[in-house]
């Protein structure tokens, strides 16, 4: 539980700090190049999910994050032992969910600022990245975990 909690907290802190910096330094509306032709930083406020889908579903997104948090905590407490990769995946997922839920709860919109230029992809933030990495790690854990062996009588 400690690894899960520390990782989730680190994601939330990094997410909050980078969003605050984006608001402070990118509020002029101009993109700031980071890696020319690959990545820049640009401030966008997103009221929905990726590409703005489900815009206006503020409380539904907050509720979904709360349900995810409860489900993961119940799982971590009741089902043991956990593989390290599973704990890391869930820490990333919940940290990201909390980071975006805080935005949605406070203002009804999520601060996005990372803008990939090499692909047609929506702007995103640290919380979104953590959620995506968590999902990938969880899929790897599920796909490549060995089934538990029942003890022989």
N, C-alpha and C. Protein backbone atom coordinates (compact mmCIF):
# COMPACT_ATOMS: atom_id res chain seq x y z
N UNK A 1 0.82 -1.20 0.00
CA UNK A 1 0.00 0.00 0.00
C UNK A 1 0.86 1.26 0.00
N UNK A 2 2.02 1.21 0.63
CA UNK A 2 2.86 2.40 0.71
C UNK A 2 3.36 2.81 -0.68
N UNK A 3 3.78 1.84 -1.47
CA UNK A 3 4.26 2.13 -2.83
C UNK A 3 3.14 2.74 -3.66
N UNK A 4 1.96 2.15 -3.58
CA UNK A 4 0.80 2.67 -4.29
C UNK A 4 0.52 4.11 -3.89
N UNK A 5 0.45 4.37 -2.58
CA UNK A 5 0.11 5.70 -2.08
C UNK A 5 1.16 6.73 -2.45
N UNK A 6 2.42 6.38 -2.33
CA UNK A 6 3.50 7.32 -2.66
C UNK A 6 3.49 7.65 -4.14
N UNK A 7 3.33 6.64 -4.99
CA UNK A 7 3.30 6.89 -6.43
C UNK A 7 2.10 7.75 -6.82
N UNK A 8 0.92 7.42 -6.29
CA UNK A 8 -0.28 8.21 -6.59
C UNK A 8 -0.09 9.66 -6.13
N UNK A 9 0.47 9.85 -4.95
CA UNK A 9 0.71 11.20 -4.43
C UNK A 9 1.72 11.95 -5.30
N UNK A 10 2.77 11.27 -5.72
CA UNK A 10 3.77 11.90 -6.60
C UNK A 10 3.15 12.36 -7.91
N UNK A 11 2.29 11.53 -8.48
CA UNK A 11 1.61 11.90 -9.73
C UNK A 11 0.73 13.13 -9.51
N UNK A 12 -0.03 13.14 -8.42
CA UNK A 12 -0.90 14.28 -8.13
C UNK A 12 -0.08 15.56 -7.95
N UNK A 13 1.00 15.50 -7.20
CA UNK A 13 1.83 16.68 -6.96
C UNK A 13 2.45 17.18 -8.26
N UNK A 14 3.04 16.28 -9.04
CA UNK A 14 3.64 16.68 -10.31
C UNK A 14 2.59 17.26 -11.26
N UNK A 15 1.43 16.64 -11.29
CA UNK A 15 0.34 17.13 -12.13
C UNK A 15 -0.08 18.54 -11.71
N UNK A 16 -0.29 18.75 -10.42
CA UNK A 16 -0.72 20.07 -9.92
C UNK A 16 0.33 21.13 -10.20
N UNK A 17 1.60 20.79 -9.98
CA UNK A 17 2.68 21.77 -10.21
C UNK A 17 2.80 22.14 -11.69
N UNK A 18 2.73 21.16 -12.57
CA UNK A 18 2.88 21.46 -14.00
C UNK A 18 1.67 22.21 -14.54
N UNK A 19 0.49 21.90 -14.04
CA UNK A 19 -0.70 22.66 -14.47
C UNK A 19 -0.63 24.10 -13.99
N UNK A 20 -0.16 24.32 -12.77
CA UNK A 20 -0.01 25.68 -12.26
C UNK A 20 1.02 26.45 -13.10
N UNK A 21 2.11 25.79 -13.45
CA UNK A 21 3.13 26.43 -14.30
C UNK A 21 2.56 26.74 -15.68
N UNK A 22 1.79 25.84 -16.23
CA UNK A 22 1.18 26.07 -17.54
C UNK A 22 0.27 27.29 -17.50
N UNK A 23 -0.54 27.39 -16.47
CA UNK A 23 -1.44 28.54 -16.34
C UNK A 23 -0.63 29.83 -16.20
N UNK A 24 0.44 29.78 -15.43
CA UNK A 24 1.24 30.98 -15.20
C UNK A 24 2.03 31.40 -16.44
N UNK A 25 2.64 30.46 -17.13
CA UNK A 25 3.58 30.80 -18.20
C UNK A 25 3.01 30.71 -19.61
N UNK A 26 1.85 30.08 -19.78
CA UNK A 26 1.31 29.90 -21.13
C UNK A 26 -0.01 30.64 -21.33
N UNK A 27 -0.38 31.50 -20.41
CA UNK A 27 -1.69 32.15 -20.48
C UNK A 27 -1.81 33.18 -21.60
N UNK A 28 -0.71 33.49 -22.27
CA UNK A 28 -0.79 34.47 -23.37
C UNK A 28 -1.38 33.87 -24.64
N UNK A 29 -1.63 32.55 -24.65
CA UNK A 29 -2.25 31.90 -25.79
C UNK A 29 -1.29 31.44 -26.86
N UNK A 30 -0.02 31.77 -26.73
CA UNK A 30 0.97 31.36 -27.71
C UNK A 30 1.62 30.04 -27.31
N UNK A 31 1.86 29.22 -28.31
CA UNK A 31 2.55 27.95 -28.07
C UNK A 31 4.03 28.24 -27.80
N UNK A 32 4.59 27.49 -26.88
CA UNK A 32 6.01 27.60 -26.56
C UNK A 32 6.71 26.34 -27.06
N UNK A 33 7.59 26.48 -28.06
CA UNK A 33 8.29 25.30 -28.57
C UNK A 33 9.12 24.63 -27.48
N UNK A 34 9.13 23.31 -27.51
CA UNK A 34 9.95 22.54 -26.59
C UNK A 34 10.94 21.70 -27.39
N UNK A 35 10.43 20.86 -28.26
CA UNK A 35 11.26 20.11 -29.22
C UNK A 35 10.69 20.46 -30.60
N UNK A 36 11.38 21.32 -31.35
CA UNK A 36 10.83 21.80 -32.63
C UNK A 36 10.34 20.67 -33.54
N UNK A 37 9.11 20.83 -34.01
CA UNK A 37 8.51 19.85 -34.90
C UNK A 37 7.99 18.60 -34.21
N UNK A 38 8.24 18.48 -32.93
CA UNK A 38 7.84 17.28 -32.20
C UNK A 38 6.85 17.61 -31.07
N UNK A 39 7.19 18.61 -30.25
CA UNK A 39 6.41 18.87 -29.06
C UNK A 39 6.50 20.34 -28.69
N UNK A 40 5.35 20.92 -28.36
CA UNK A 40 5.36 22.25 -27.77
C UNK A 40 4.37 22.28 -26.61
N UNK A 41 4.38 23.41 -25.91
CA UNK A 41 3.47 23.59 -24.79
C UNK A 41 2.49 24.69 -25.14
N UNK A 42 1.22 24.41 -24.94
CA UNK A 42 0.16 25.36 -25.27
C UNK A 42 -0.98 25.14 -24.29
N UNK A 43 -1.49 26.20 -23.71
CA UNK A 43 -2.53 26.10 -22.70
C UNK A 43 -3.91 25.93 -23.32
N UNK A 44 -4.62 24.89 -22.89
CA UNK A 44 -5.98 24.63 -23.33
C UNK A 44 -6.78 24.18 -22.10
N UNK A 45 -8.01 24.63 -22.02
CA UNK A 45 -8.91 24.18 -20.96
C UNK A 45 -9.94 23.27 -21.59
N UNK A 46 -9.97 22.03 -21.13
CA UNK A 46 -10.81 21.00 -21.73
C UNK A 46 -11.97 20.65 -20.79
N UNK A 47 -13.18 20.85 -21.24
CA UNK A 47 -14.36 20.52 -20.42
C UNK A 47 -14.83 19.09 -20.62
N UNK A 48 -14.16 18.34 -21.50
CA UNK A 48 -14.56 16.96 -21.75
C UNK A 48 -13.39 16.02 -21.56
N UNK A 49 -13.43 14.92 -22.30
CA UNK A 49 -12.33 13.97 -22.31
C UNK A 49 -11.46 14.27 -23.52
N UNK A 50 -10.73 13.30 -24.01
CA UNK A 50 -9.86 13.50 -25.17
C UNK A 50 -10.66 14.06 -26.34
N UNK A 51 -10.08 14.99 -27.04
CA UNK A 51 -10.70 15.69 -28.17
C UNK A 51 -11.98 16.42 -27.74
N UNK A 52 -12.15 16.66 -26.44
CA UNK A 52 -13.32 17.38 -25.96
C UNK A 52 -14.62 16.59 -25.95
N UNK A 53 -14.54 15.27 -26.17
CA UNK A 53 -15.78 14.50 -26.17
C UNK A 53 -16.40 14.50 -24.77
N UNK A 54 -17.69 14.41 -24.72
CA UNK A 54 -18.47 14.42 -23.48
C UNK A 54 -18.27 15.73 -22.71
N UNK A 55 -18.09 16.83 -23.44
CA UNK A 55 -17.93 18.13 -22.80
C UNK A 55 -19.16 18.43 -21.94
N UNK A 56 -18.91 19.01 -20.79
CA UNK A 56 -20.00 19.36 -19.89
C UNK A 56 -20.38 18.27 -18.91
N UNK A 57 -19.73 17.12 -18.99
CA UNK A 57 -20.05 16.01 -18.09
C UNK A 57 -19.17 16.08 -16.83
N UNK A 58 -19.02 17.27 -16.31
CA UNK A 58 -18.14 17.55 -15.18
C UNK A 58 -18.35 16.58 -14.02
N UNK A 59 -19.56 16.50 -13.54
CA UNK A 59 -19.81 15.69 -12.35
C UNK A 59 -19.77 14.20 -12.66
N UNK A 60 -20.07 13.82 -13.87
CA UNK A 60 -19.95 12.41 -14.25
C UNK A 60 -18.49 11.98 -14.21
N UNK A 61 -17.59 12.85 -14.69
CA UNK A 61 -16.16 12.53 -14.65
C UNK A 61 -15.65 12.46 -13.21
N UNK A 62 -16.09 13.39 -12.37
CA UNK A 62 -15.68 13.37 -10.96
C UNK A 62 -16.20 12.10 -10.29
N UNK A 63 -17.45 11.75 -10.55
CA UNK A 63 -18.04 10.53 -9.98
C UNK A 63 -17.29 9.29 -10.45
N UNK A 64 -16.95 9.25 -11.72
CA UNK A 64 -16.20 8.11 -12.26
C UNK A 64 -14.84 7.98 -11.58
N UNK A 65 -14.17 9.09 -11.36
CA UNK A 65 -12.88 9.06 -10.67
C UNK A 65 -13.05 8.55 -9.24
N UNK A 66 -14.07 9.01 -8.56
CA UNK A 66 -14.31 8.55 -7.19
C UNK A 66 -14.61 7.06 -7.14
N UNK A 67 -15.41 6.58 -8.07
CA UNK A 67 -15.71 5.14 -8.13
C UNK A 67 -14.42 4.35 -8.40
N UNK A 68 -13.60 4.83 -9.32
CA UNK A 68 -12.33 4.14 -9.62
C UNK A 68 -11.44 4.09 -8.39
N UNK A 69 -11.36 5.18 -7.66
CA UNK A 69 -10.54 5.22 -6.45
C UNK A 69 -11.03 4.20 -5.43
N UNK A 70 -12.33 4.17 -5.19
CA UNK A 70 -12.90 3.23 -4.22
C UNK A 70 -12.66 1.79 -4.66
N UNK A 71 -12.91 1.48 -5.93
CA UNK A 71 -12.73 0.12 -6.44
C UNK A 71 -11.27 -0.32 -6.28
N UNK A 72 -10.34 0.55 -6.65
CA UNK A 72 -8.92 0.19 -6.55
C UNK A 72 -8.52 0.01 -5.09
N UNK A 73 -8.95 0.89 -4.21
CA UNK A 73 -8.60 0.74 -2.79
C UNK A 73 -9.17 -0.54 -2.20
N UNK A 74 -10.41 -0.85 -2.53
CA UNK A 74 -11.01 -2.09 -2.04
C UNK A 74 -10.22 -3.29 -2.57
N UNK A 75 -9.86 -3.25 -3.84
CA UNK A 75 -9.07 -4.34 -4.43
C UNK A 75 -7.73 -4.48 -3.72
N UNK A 76 -7.04 -3.38 -3.50
CA UNK A 76 -5.72 -3.45 -2.88
C UNK A 76 -5.79 -3.97 -1.44
N UNK A 77 -6.86 -3.66 -0.74
CA UNK A 77 -6.99 -4.09 0.65
C UNK A 77 -7.45 -5.54 0.74
N UNK A 78 -8.33 -5.96 -0.16
CA UNK A 78 -8.93 -7.29 -0.01
C UNK A 78 -8.22 -8.40 -0.79
N UNK A 79 -7.68 -8.11 -1.93
CA UNK A 79 -7.04 -9.15 -2.75
C UNK A 79 -5.53 -9.04 -2.60
N UNK A 80 -4.94 -10.05 -2.04
CA UNK A 80 -3.50 -10.02 -1.84
C UNK A 80 -2.92 -11.37 -2.18
N UNK A 81 -1.70 -11.48 -2.53
CA UNK A 81 -0.68 -10.45 -2.72
C UNK A 81 -0.82 -9.80 -4.09
N UNK A 82 -0.09 -8.70 -4.28
CA UNK A 82 -0.13 -7.97 -5.54
C UNK A 82 1.25 -7.97 -6.18
N UNK A 83 1.27 -8.16 -7.48
CA UNK A 83 2.52 -8.03 -8.21
C UNK A 83 2.93 -6.56 -8.21
N UNK A 84 4.21 -6.30 -8.20
CA UNK A 84 4.72 -4.93 -8.18
C UNK A 84 4.19 -4.14 -9.37
N UNK A 85 4.15 -4.75 -10.54
CA UNK A 85 3.69 -4.04 -11.73
C UNK A 85 2.22 -3.62 -11.58
N UNK A 86 1.43 -4.45 -10.92
CA UNK A 86 0.02 -4.11 -10.69
C UNK A 86 -0.11 -2.92 -9.74
N UNK A 87 0.68 -2.92 -8.69
CA UNK A 87 0.65 -1.81 -7.73
C UNK A 87 1.09 -0.52 -8.41
N UNK A 88 2.13 -0.58 -9.23
CA UNK A 88 2.59 0.61 -9.95
C UNK A 88 1.52 1.10 -10.92
N UNK A 89 0.91 0.18 -11.65
CA UNK A 89 -0.14 0.55 -12.61
C UNK A 89 -1.29 1.24 -11.90
N UNK A 90 -1.73 0.68 -10.79
CA UNK A 90 -2.86 1.25 -10.07
C UNK A 90 -2.51 2.59 -9.42
N UNK A 91 -1.28 2.75 -8.98
CA UNK A 91 -0.83 4.03 -8.43
C UNK A 91 -0.85 5.12 -9.49
N UNK A 92 -0.39 4.79 -10.69
CA UNK A 92 -0.42 5.75 -11.80
C UNK A 92 -1.86 6.10 -12.18
N UNK A 93 -2.69 5.08 -12.29
CA UNK A 93 -4.10 5.31 -12.65
C UNK A 93 -4.81 6.21 -11.65
N UNK A 94 -4.67 5.91 -10.39
CA UNK A 94 -5.39 6.67 -9.37
C UNK A 94 -4.79 8.06 -9.21
N UNK A 95 -3.48 8.19 -9.28
CA UNK A 95 -2.87 9.51 -9.23
C UNK A 95 -3.36 10.39 -10.36
N UNK A 96 -3.44 9.83 -11.56
CA UNK A 96 -3.95 10.58 -12.70
C UNK A 96 -5.42 10.92 -12.56
N UNK A 97 -6.19 9.96 -12.07
CA UNK A 97 -7.63 10.20 -11.89
C UNK A 97 -7.86 11.32 -10.88
N UNK A 98 -7.10 11.32 -9.80
CA UNK A 98 -7.23 12.37 -8.79
C UNK A 98 -6.82 13.73 -9.38
N UNK A 99 -5.71 13.75 -10.11
CA UNK A 99 -5.24 15.00 -10.69
C UNK A 99 -6.28 15.67 -11.58
N UNK A 100 -6.88 14.91 -12.46
CA UNK A 100 -7.90 15.48 -13.34
C UNK A 100 -9.22 15.75 -12.61
N UNK A 101 -9.54 14.92 -11.62
CA UNK A 101 -10.78 15.13 -10.86
C UNK A 101 -10.70 16.44 -10.06
N UNK A 102 -9.53 16.77 -9.55
CA UNK A 102 -9.37 18.03 -8.82
C UNK A 102 -9.69 19.20 -9.75
N UNK A 103 -9.14 19.18 -10.97
CA UNK A 103 -9.45 20.23 -11.95
C UNK A 103 -10.95 20.32 -12.21
N UNK A 104 -11.55 19.18 -12.49
CA UNK A 104 -12.98 19.16 -12.83
C UNK A 104 -13.83 19.63 -11.67
N UNK A 105 -13.47 19.23 -10.47
CA UNK A 105 -14.24 19.63 -9.30
C UNK A 105 -14.11 21.14 -9.05
N UNK A 106 -12.88 21.65 -9.18
CA UNK A 106 -12.64 23.07 -8.89
C UNK A 106 -13.20 24.00 -9.96
N UNK A 107 -12.97 23.68 -11.22
CA UNK A 107 -13.30 24.64 -12.29
C UNK A 107 -14.21 24.07 -13.38
N UNK A 108 -14.43 22.78 -13.38
CA UNK A 108 -15.26 22.18 -14.41
C UNK A 108 -14.51 21.89 -15.70
N UNK A 109 -13.21 22.10 -15.70
CA UNK A 109 -12.41 21.84 -16.90
C UNK A 109 -11.00 21.43 -16.48
N UNK A 110 -10.35 20.70 -17.37
CA UNK A 110 -9.02 20.18 -17.11
C UNK A 110 -8.00 21.03 -17.86
N UNK A 111 -6.90 21.30 -17.20
CA UNK A 111 -5.80 22.04 -17.82
C UNK A 111 -4.97 21.06 -18.63
N UNK A 112 -4.89 21.28 -19.94
CA UNK A 112 -4.04 20.50 -20.83
C UNK A 112 -3.00 21.44 -21.41
N UNK A 113 -1.79 20.94 -21.63
CA UNK A 113 -0.74 21.83 -22.14
C UNK A 113 0.34 21.14 -22.96
N UNK A 114 0.39 19.84 -22.97
CA UNK A 114 1.41 19.12 -23.75
C UNK A 114 0.83 18.86 -25.13
N UNK A 115 1.50 19.39 -26.16
CA UNK A 115 0.97 19.35 -27.52
C UNK A 115 1.94 18.64 -28.47
N UNK A 116 1.65 17.38 -28.79
CA UNK A 116 2.50 16.69 -29.76
C UNK A 116 2.24 17.24 -31.17
N UNK A 117 3.30 17.49 -31.90
CA UNK A 117 3.18 18.07 -33.23
C UNK A 117 3.32 17.04 -34.34
N UNK A 118 3.88 15.89 -34.03
CA UNK A 118 4.18 14.89 -35.05
C UNK A 118 3.00 13.97 -35.33
N UNK A 119 1.90 14.16 -34.61
CA UNK A 119 0.73 13.30 -34.76
C UNK A 119 -0.51 14.14 -34.45
N UNK A 120 -1.63 13.81 -35.08
CA UNK A 120 -2.87 14.50 -34.77
C UNK A 120 -3.43 13.91 -33.49
N UNK A 121 -3.14 14.56 -32.39
CA UNK A 121 -3.48 14.04 -31.08
C UNK A 121 -3.88 15.21 -30.19
N UNK A 122 -4.83 15.00 -29.31
CA UNK A 122 -5.25 16.12 -28.44
C UNK A 122 -4.15 16.50 -27.45
N UNK A 123 -4.21 17.73 -26.99
CA UNK A 123 -3.31 18.15 -25.93
C UNK A 123 -3.64 17.35 -24.68
N UNK A 124 -2.64 17.18 -23.83
CA UNK A 124 -2.85 16.38 -22.63
C UNK A 124 -2.00 16.94 -21.49
N UNK A 125 -2.01 16.26 -20.36
CA UNK A 125 -1.28 16.70 -19.19
C UNK A 125 -0.62 15.51 -18.50
N UNK A 126 0.02 15.76 -17.38
CA UNK A 126 0.72 14.70 -16.63
C UNK A 126 -0.27 13.64 -16.14
N UNK A 127 -1.43 14.06 -15.66
CA UNK A 127 -2.43 13.10 -15.18
C UNK A 127 -2.86 12.16 -16.31
N UNK A 128 -3.10 12.73 -17.49
CA UNK A 128 -3.47 11.89 -18.65
C UNK A 128 -2.38 10.89 -18.97
N UNK A 129 -1.12 11.35 -18.91
CA UNK A 129 0.01 10.46 -19.19
C UNK A 129 0.09 9.33 -18.16
N UNK A 130 -0.13 9.67 -16.89
CA UNK A 130 -0.10 8.66 -15.84
C UNK A 130 -1.21 7.62 -16.04
N UNK A 131 -2.39 8.09 -16.40
CA UNK A 131 -3.51 7.18 -16.64
C UNK A 131 -3.18 6.24 -17.80
N UNK A 132 -2.65 6.79 -18.88
CA UNK A 132 -2.31 5.98 -20.04
C UNK A 132 -1.23 4.96 -19.70
N UNK A 133 -0.18 5.39 -19.02
CA UNK A 133 0.89 4.46 -18.63
C UNK A 133 0.35 3.39 -17.66
N UNK A 134 -0.52 3.80 -16.76
CA UNK A 134 -1.12 2.85 -15.83
C UNK A 134 -1.94 1.79 -16.54
N UNK A 135 -2.71 2.20 -17.53
CA UNK A 135 -3.51 1.24 -18.30
C UNK A 135 -2.62 0.27 -19.05
N UNK A 136 -1.55 0.79 -19.65
CA UNK A 136 -0.62 -0.08 -20.38
C UNK A 136 0.03 -1.07 -19.43
N UNK A 137 0.51 -0.60 -18.29
CA UNK A 137 1.13 -1.51 -17.32
C UNK A 137 0.14 -2.54 -16.79
N UNK A 138 -1.09 -2.12 -16.55
CA UNK A 138 -2.10 -3.05 -16.07
C UNK A 138 -2.40 -4.11 -17.13
N UNK A 139 -2.47 -3.71 -18.38
CA UNK A 139 -2.68 -4.67 -19.47
C UNK A 139 -1.53 -5.67 -19.54
N UNK A 140 -0.31 -5.18 -19.41
CA UNK A 140 0.86 -6.07 -19.41
C UNK A 140 0.77 -7.04 -18.24
N UNK A 141 0.42 -6.52 -17.08
CA UNK A 141 0.31 -7.37 -15.89
C UNK A 141 -0.73 -8.47 -16.09
N UNK A 142 -1.86 -8.10 -16.66
CA UNK A 142 -2.94 -9.06 -16.87
C UNK A 142 -2.55 -10.09 -17.94
N UNK A 143 -2.00 -9.60 -19.03
CA UNK A 143 -1.67 -10.49 -20.15
C UNK A 143 -0.52 -11.45 -19.84
N UNK A 144 0.44 -11.00 -19.04
CA UNK A 144 1.63 -11.82 -18.85
C UNK A 144 1.78 -12.39 -17.45
N UNK A 145 0.75 -12.25 -16.62
CA UNK A 145 0.84 -12.84 -15.29
C UNK A 145 0.55 -14.33 -15.38
N UNK A 146 1.19 -15.04 -14.51
CA UNK A 146 0.98 -16.48 -14.47
C UNK A 146 -0.19 -16.77 -13.55
N UNK A 147 -1.06 -17.68 -13.95
CA UNK A 147 -2.19 -18.03 -13.07
C UNK A 147 -1.68 -18.63 -11.78
N UNK A 148 -2.41 -18.36 -10.70
CA UNK A 148 -2.02 -18.91 -9.41
C UNK A 148 -2.16 -20.42 -9.41
N UNK A 149 -1.18 -21.08 -8.81
CA UNK A 149 -1.20 -22.53 -8.71
C UNK A 149 -1.90 -22.89 -7.39
N UNK A 150 -2.87 -23.79 -7.48
CA UNK A 150 -3.53 -24.26 -6.28
C UNK A 150 -2.61 -25.28 -5.60
N UNK A 151 -2.51 -25.19 -4.28
CA UNK A 151 -1.66 -26.17 -3.59
C UNK A 151 -2.24 -27.58 -3.72
N UNK A 152 -1.32 -28.52 -3.86
CA UNK A 152 -1.76 -29.93 -3.97
C UNK A 152 -2.05 -30.47 -2.58
N UNK A 153 -3.09 -31.29 -2.50
CA UNK A 153 -3.47 -31.89 -1.22
C UNK A 153 -2.59 -33.04 -0.87
